[in-house]
Amino acid sequence: MENKIKSFLSDNNWQLVDNNKKANKVFKFKTFIEAFAWMTEVALGAEKLDHHPDWTNIYNTVNVLLSTHDENKLTEKDIALASLMDKSFDKYN
């Protein structure tokens, strides 16, 4: 994996998993409504990036797993989506 990708993700508190092929982060909100609003905003951005996360939502917590599936590794697409997620999340804290 490129050092740039690994550095960006680890510098922004993403955990590298599956032999550095995926990145995981848990986003916790005050309420379910905030979590759902964040997911909606991210979904619209992900569609524009043509890159979609694997994620689950339980009440106020969203667990995200990023990877570029067709390349079976992390790529610049994952940095773009992770950055979008992190910036959007800042609004809720």
N, C-alpha and C. Protein backbone atom coordinates (compact mmCIF):
# COMPACT_ATOMS: atom_id res chain seq x y z
N MET A 1 0.84 -1.18 0.00
CA MET A 1 0.00 0.00 0.00
C MET A 1 0.89 1.23 0.00
N GLU A 2 0.44 2.23 -0.71
CA GLU A 2 1.19 3.46 -0.76
C GLU A 2 1.28 4.08 0.63
N ASN A 3 2.45 4.65 0.94
CA ASN A 3 2.63 5.29 2.23
C ASN A 3 1.70 6.46 2.42
N LYS A 4 1.39 7.19 1.34
CA LYS A 4 0.48 8.34 1.43
C LYS A 4 -0.88 7.91 1.94
N ILE A 5 -1.40 6.83 1.42
CA ILE A 5 -2.71 6.34 1.83
C ILE A 5 -2.66 5.88 3.28
N LYS A 6 -1.68 5.09 3.61
CA LYS A 6 -1.53 4.59 4.98
C LYS A 6 -1.36 5.73 5.96
N SER A 7 -0.54 6.71 5.62
CA SER A 7 -0.31 7.85 6.51
C SER A 7 -1.58 8.65 6.72
N PHE A 8 -2.28 8.95 5.63
CA PHE A 8 -3.51 9.72 5.75
C PHE A 8 -4.50 9.03 6.68
N LEU A 9 -4.72 7.75 6.44
CA LEU A 9 -5.71 7.03 7.22
C LEU A 9 -5.30 6.93 8.68
N SER A 10 -4.07 6.57 8.96
CA SER A 10 -3.66 6.44 10.37
C SER A 10 -3.61 7.80 11.05
N ASP A 11 -3.23 8.84 10.34
CA ASP A 11 -3.20 10.20 10.91
C ASP A 11 -4.60 10.69 11.26
N ASN A 12 -5.61 10.13 10.64
CA ASN A 12 -6.99 10.54 10.87
C ASN A 12 -7.81 9.48 11.63
N ASN A 13 -7.10 8.64 12.37
CA ASN A 13 -7.72 7.67 13.28
C ASN A 13 -8.53 6.58 12.60
N TRP A 14 -8.18 6.23 11.38
CA TRP A 14 -8.75 5.06 10.72
C TRP A 14 -7.85 3.87 11.06
N GLN A 15 -8.47 2.74 11.34
CA GLN A 15 -7.72 1.52 11.66
C GLN A 15 -7.57 0.68 10.39
N LEU A 16 -6.34 0.32 10.08
CA LEU A 16 -6.10 -0.55 8.93
C LEU A 16 -6.37 -1.99 9.33
N VAL A 17 -7.14 -2.70 8.50
CA VAL A 17 -7.52 -4.08 8.79
C VAL A 17 -7.36 -4.94 7.54
N ASP A 18 -7.48 -6.24 7.72
CA ASP A 18 -7.43 -7.20 6.61
C ASP A 18 -6.14 -7.02 5.79
N ASN A 19 -5.01 -7.11 6.49
CA ASN A 19 -3.69 -6.96 5.85
C ASN A 19 -3.57 -5.64 5.08
N ASN A 20 -4.07 -4.57 5.70
CA ASN A 20 -4.01 -3.21 5.13
C ASN A 20 -4.81 -3.06 3.84
N LYS A 21 -5.76 -3.94 3.59
CA LYS A 21 -6.60 -3.84 2.39
C LYS A 21 -7.87 -3.04 2.66
N LYS A 22 -8.17 -2.79 3.94
CA LYS A 22 -9.38 -2.08 4.32
C LYS A 22 -9.07 -1.14 5.48
N ALA A 23 -9.95 -0.15 5.65
CA ALA A 23 -9.83 0.78 6.76
C ALA A 23 -11.17 0.87 7.47
N ASN A 24 -11.13 0.88 8.79
CA ASN A 24 -12.33 0.89 9.62
C ASN A 24 -12.32 2.11 10.54
N LYS A 25 -13.49 2.68 10.74
CA LYS A 25 -13.65 3.76 11.71
C LYS A 25 -15.08 3.74 12.22
N VAL A 26 -15.23 4.04 13.50
CA VAL A 26 -16.55 4.11 14.12
C VAL A 26 -16.85 5.58 14.41
N PHE A 27 -18.00 6.03 13.94
CA PHE A 27 -18.45 7.40 14.15
C PHE A 27 -19.62 7.35 15.13
N LYS A 28 -19.49 8.08 16.23
CA LYS A 28 -20.54 8.08 17.26
C LYS A 28 -21.15 9.47 17.36
N PHE A 29 -22.47 9.53 17.35
CA PHE A 29 -23.23 10.76 17.37
C PHE A 29 -24.03 10.86 18.66
N LYS A 30 -24.62 12.03 18.89
CA LYS A 30 -25.45 12.23 20.08
C LYS A 30 -26.78 11.51 19.95
N THR A 31 -27.31 11.44 18.73
CA THR A 31 -28.64 10.86 18.52
C THR A 31 -28.66 10.05 17.22
N PHE A 32 -29.71 9.27 17.09
CA PHE A 32 -29.94 8.53 15.85
C PHE A 32 -30.15 9.49 14.68
N ILE A 33 -30.89 10.57 14.92
CA ILE A 33 -31.17 11.54 13.85
C ILE A 33 -29.87 12.13 13.31
N GLU A 34 -28.92 12.47 14.19
CA GLU A 34 -27.62 12.99 13.72
C GLU A 34 -26.88 11.94 12.90
N ALA A 35 -26.89 10.71 13.37
CA ALA A 35 -26.20 9.63 12.64
C ALA A 35 -26.82 9.46 11.25
N PHE A 36 -28.14 9.48 11.19
CA PHE A 36 -28.83 9.29 9.92
C PHE A 36 -28.61 10.48 8.98
N ALA A 37 -28.61 11.69 9.53
CA ALA A 37 -28.35 12.89 8.72
C ALA A 37 -26.95 12.83 8.14
N TRP A 38 -25.98 12.42 8.95
CA TRP A 38 -24.59 12.29 8.49
C TRP A 38 -24.50 11.25 7.38
N MET A 39 -25.15 10.11 7.57
CA MET A 39 -25.13 9.07 6.55
C MET A 39 -25.74 9.56 5.24
N THR A 40 -26.80 10.34 5.34
CA THR A 40 -27.44 10.88 4.14
C THR A 40 -26.49 11.82 3.40
N GLU A 41 -25.86 12.71 4.15
CA GLU A 41 -24.89 13.63 3.54
C GLU A 41 -23.73 12.87 2.88
N VAL A 42 -23.21 11.90 3.60
CA VAL A 42 -22.10 11.11 3.06
C VAL A 42 -22.55 10.30 1.84
N ALA A 43 -23.75 9.77 1.87
CA ALA A 43 -24.25 8.99 0.74
C ALA A 43 -24.30 9.83 -0.53
N LEU A 44 -24.74 11.08 -0.40
CA LEU A 44 -24.78 11.97 -1.57
C LEU A 44 -23.38 12.26 -2.09
N GLY A 45 -22.43 12.47 -1.18
CA GLY A 45 -21.04 12.69 -1.58
C GLY A 45 -20.41 11.45 -2.18
N ALA A 46 -20.72 10.30 -1.61
CA ALA A 46 -20.18 9.03 -2.12
C ALA A 46 -20.67 8.78 -3.54
N GLU A 47 -21.91 9.13 -3.79
CA GLU A 47 -22.47 8.95 -5.14
C GLU A 47 -21.71 9.82 -6.14
N LYS A 48 -21.40 11.06 -5.75
CA LYS A 48 -20.63 11.95 -6.63
C LYS A 48 -19.23 11.41 -6.88
N LEU A 49 -18.64 10.78 -5.85
CA LEU A 49 -17.31 10.19 -5.99
C LEU A 49 -17.34 8.85 -6.70
N ASP A 50 -18.54 8.28 -6.87
CA ASP A 50 -18.72 6.94 -7.41
C ASP A 50 -17.91 5.92 -6.62
N HIS A 51 -17.99 6.08 -5.29
CA HIS A 51 -17.28 5.18 -4.38
C HIS A 51 -18.13 5.06 -3.12
N HIS A 52 -18.51 3.85 -2.77
CA HIS A 52 -19.52 3.65 -1.74
C HIS A 52 -18.97 2.83 -0.58
N PRO A 53 -19.27 3.24 0.65
CA PRO A 53 -18.74 2.53 1.82
C PRO A 53 -19.57 1.30 2.18
N ASP A 54 -18.93 0.40 2.89
CA ASP A 54 -19.65 -0.65 3.61
C ASP A 54 -19.87 -0.06 5.00
N TRP A 55 -21.10 0.01 5.44
CA TRP A 55 -21.34 0.58 6.76
C TRP A 55 -22.57 0.00 7.40
N THR A 56 -22.60 0.10 8.72
CA THR A 56 -23.76 -0.32 9.49
C THR A 56 -24.10 0.80 10.46
N ASN A 57 -25.37 0.89 10.79
CA ASN A 57 -25.84 1.90 11.73
C ASN A 57 -26.66 1.23 12.81
N ILE A 58 -26.27 1.44 14.04
CA ILE A 58 -27.06 1.01 15.19
C ILE A 58 -27.22 2.23 16.09
N TYR A 59 -28.44 2.70 16.18
CA TYR A 59 -28.84 3.89 16.91
C TYR A 59 -27.94 5.08 16.55
N ASN A 60 -27.02 5.48 17.43
CA ASN A 60 -26.21 6.68 17.20
C ASN A 60 -24.79 6.36 16.72
N THR A 61 -24.56 5.14 16.31
CA THR A 61 -23.22 4.70 15.93
C THR A 61 -23.21 4.17 14.50
N VAL A 62 -22.23 4.65 13.73
CA VAL A 62 -22.05 4.17 12.36
C VAL A 62 -20.66 3.56 12.25
N ASN A 63 -20.61 2.30 11.89
CA ASN A 63 -19.34 1.59 11.71
C ASN A 63 -19.06 1.54 10.21
N VAL A 64 -17.90 2.08 9.80
CA VAL A 64 -17.56 2.20 8.38
C VAL A 64 -16.37 1.31 8.05
N LEU A 65 -16.45 0.66 6.91
CA LEU A 65 -15.34 -0.12 6.38
C LEU A 65 -15.11 0.32 4.94
N LEU A 66 -13.91 0.85 4.67
CA LEU A 66 -13.58 1.32 3.33
C LEU A 66 -12.62 0.38 2.64
N SER A 67 -12.80 0.22 1.34
CA SER A 67 -11.89 -0.52 0.47
C SER A 67 -12.36 -0.29 -0.96
N THR A 68 -11.42 -0.32 -1.88
CA THR A 68 -11.80 -0.25 -3.29
C THR A 68 -11.95 -1.70 -3.76
N HIS A 69 -13.20 -2.14 -3.84
CA HIS A 69 -13.50 -3.56 -4.05
C HIS A 69 -12.91 -4.12 -5.34
N ASP A 70 -12.99 -3.37 -6.43
CA ASP A 70 -12.50 -3.92 -7.70
C ASP A 70 -10.98 -4.04 -7.74
N GLU A 71 -10.28 -3.37 -6.80
CA GLU A 71 -8.82 -3.51 -6.74
C GLU A 71 -8.37 -4.32 -5.52
N ASN A 72 -9.32 -4.65 -4.65
CA ASN A 72 -9.05 -5.42 -3.44
C ASN A 72 -7.95 -4.78 -2.59
N LYS A 73 -8.02 -3.44 -2.48
CA LYS A 73 -7.05 -2.71 -1.64
C LYS A 73 -7.58 -1.30 -1.42
N LEU A 74 -6.86 -0.55 -0.60
CA LEU A 74 -7.18 0.86 -0.39
C LEU A 74 -6.53 1.69 -1.48
N THR A 75 -7.29 2.69 -1.96
CA THR A 75 -6.79 3.55 -3.03
C THR A 75 -7.10 5.01 -2.71
N GLU A 76 -6.77 5.88 -3.64
CA GLU A 76 -7.06 7.31 -3.51
C GLU A 76 -8.56 7.54 -3.35
N LYS A 77 -9.37 6.67 -3.92
CA LYS A 77 -10.83 6.79 -3.74
C LYS A 77 -11.21 6.71 -2.27
N ASP A 78 -10.51 5.85 -1.54
CA ASP A 78 -10.80 5.68 -0.12
C ASP A 78 -10.37 6.91 0.68
N ILE A 79 -9.25 7.52 0.29
CA ILE A 79 -8.83 8.76 0.94
C ILE A 79 -9.89 9.85 0.72
N ALA A 80 -10.38 9.97 -0.50
CA ALA A 80 -11.39 10.98 -0.81
C ALA A 80 -12.65 10.77 0.03
N LEU A 81 -13.10 9.53 0.13
CA LEU A 81 -14.32 9.25 0.89
C LEU A 81 -14.07 9.40 2.39
N ALA A 82 -12.94 8.94 2.88
CA ALA A 82 -12.61 9.11 4.30
C ALA A 82 -12.54 10.59 4.67
N SER A 83 -11.94 11.38 3.80
CA SER A 83 -11.84 12.81 4.04
C SER A 83 -13.23 13.45 4.09
N LEU A 84 -14.08 13.10 3.16
CA LEU A 84 -15.45 13.60 3.15
C LEU A 84 -16.16 13.24 4.45
N MET A 85 -16.01 12.00 4.89
CA MET A 85 -16.66 11.54 6.12
C MET A 85 -16.16 12.32 7.33
N ASP A 86 -14.84 12.45 7.43
CA ASP A 86 -14.26 13.14 8.58
C ASP A 86 -14.69 14.61 8.62
N LYS A 87 -14.68 15.28 7.49
CA LYS A 87 -15.09 16.69 7.45
C LYS A 87 -16.56 16.85 7.80
N SER A 88 -17.38 15.97 7.29
CA SER A 88 -18.81 16.03 7.61
C SER A 88 -19.04 15.75 9.09
N PHE A 89 -18.31 14.82 9.63
CA PHE A 89 -18.47 14.45 11.05
C PHE A 89 -18.11 15.62 11.97
N ASP A 90 -17.15 16.45 11.58
CA ASP A 90 -16.73 17.60 12.39
C ASP A 90 -17.91 18.51 12.73
N LYS A 91 -18.90 18.56 11.87
CA LYS A 91 -20.06 19.43 12.10
C LYS A 91 -20.90 18.96 13.30
N TYR A 92 -20.74 17.70 13.68
CA TYR A 92 -21.57 17.13 14.74
C TYR A 92 -20.88 17.14 16.10
N ASN A 93 -19.68 17.68 16.15
CA ASN A 93 -18.93 17.70 17.42
C ASN A 93 -18.46 19.09 17.78
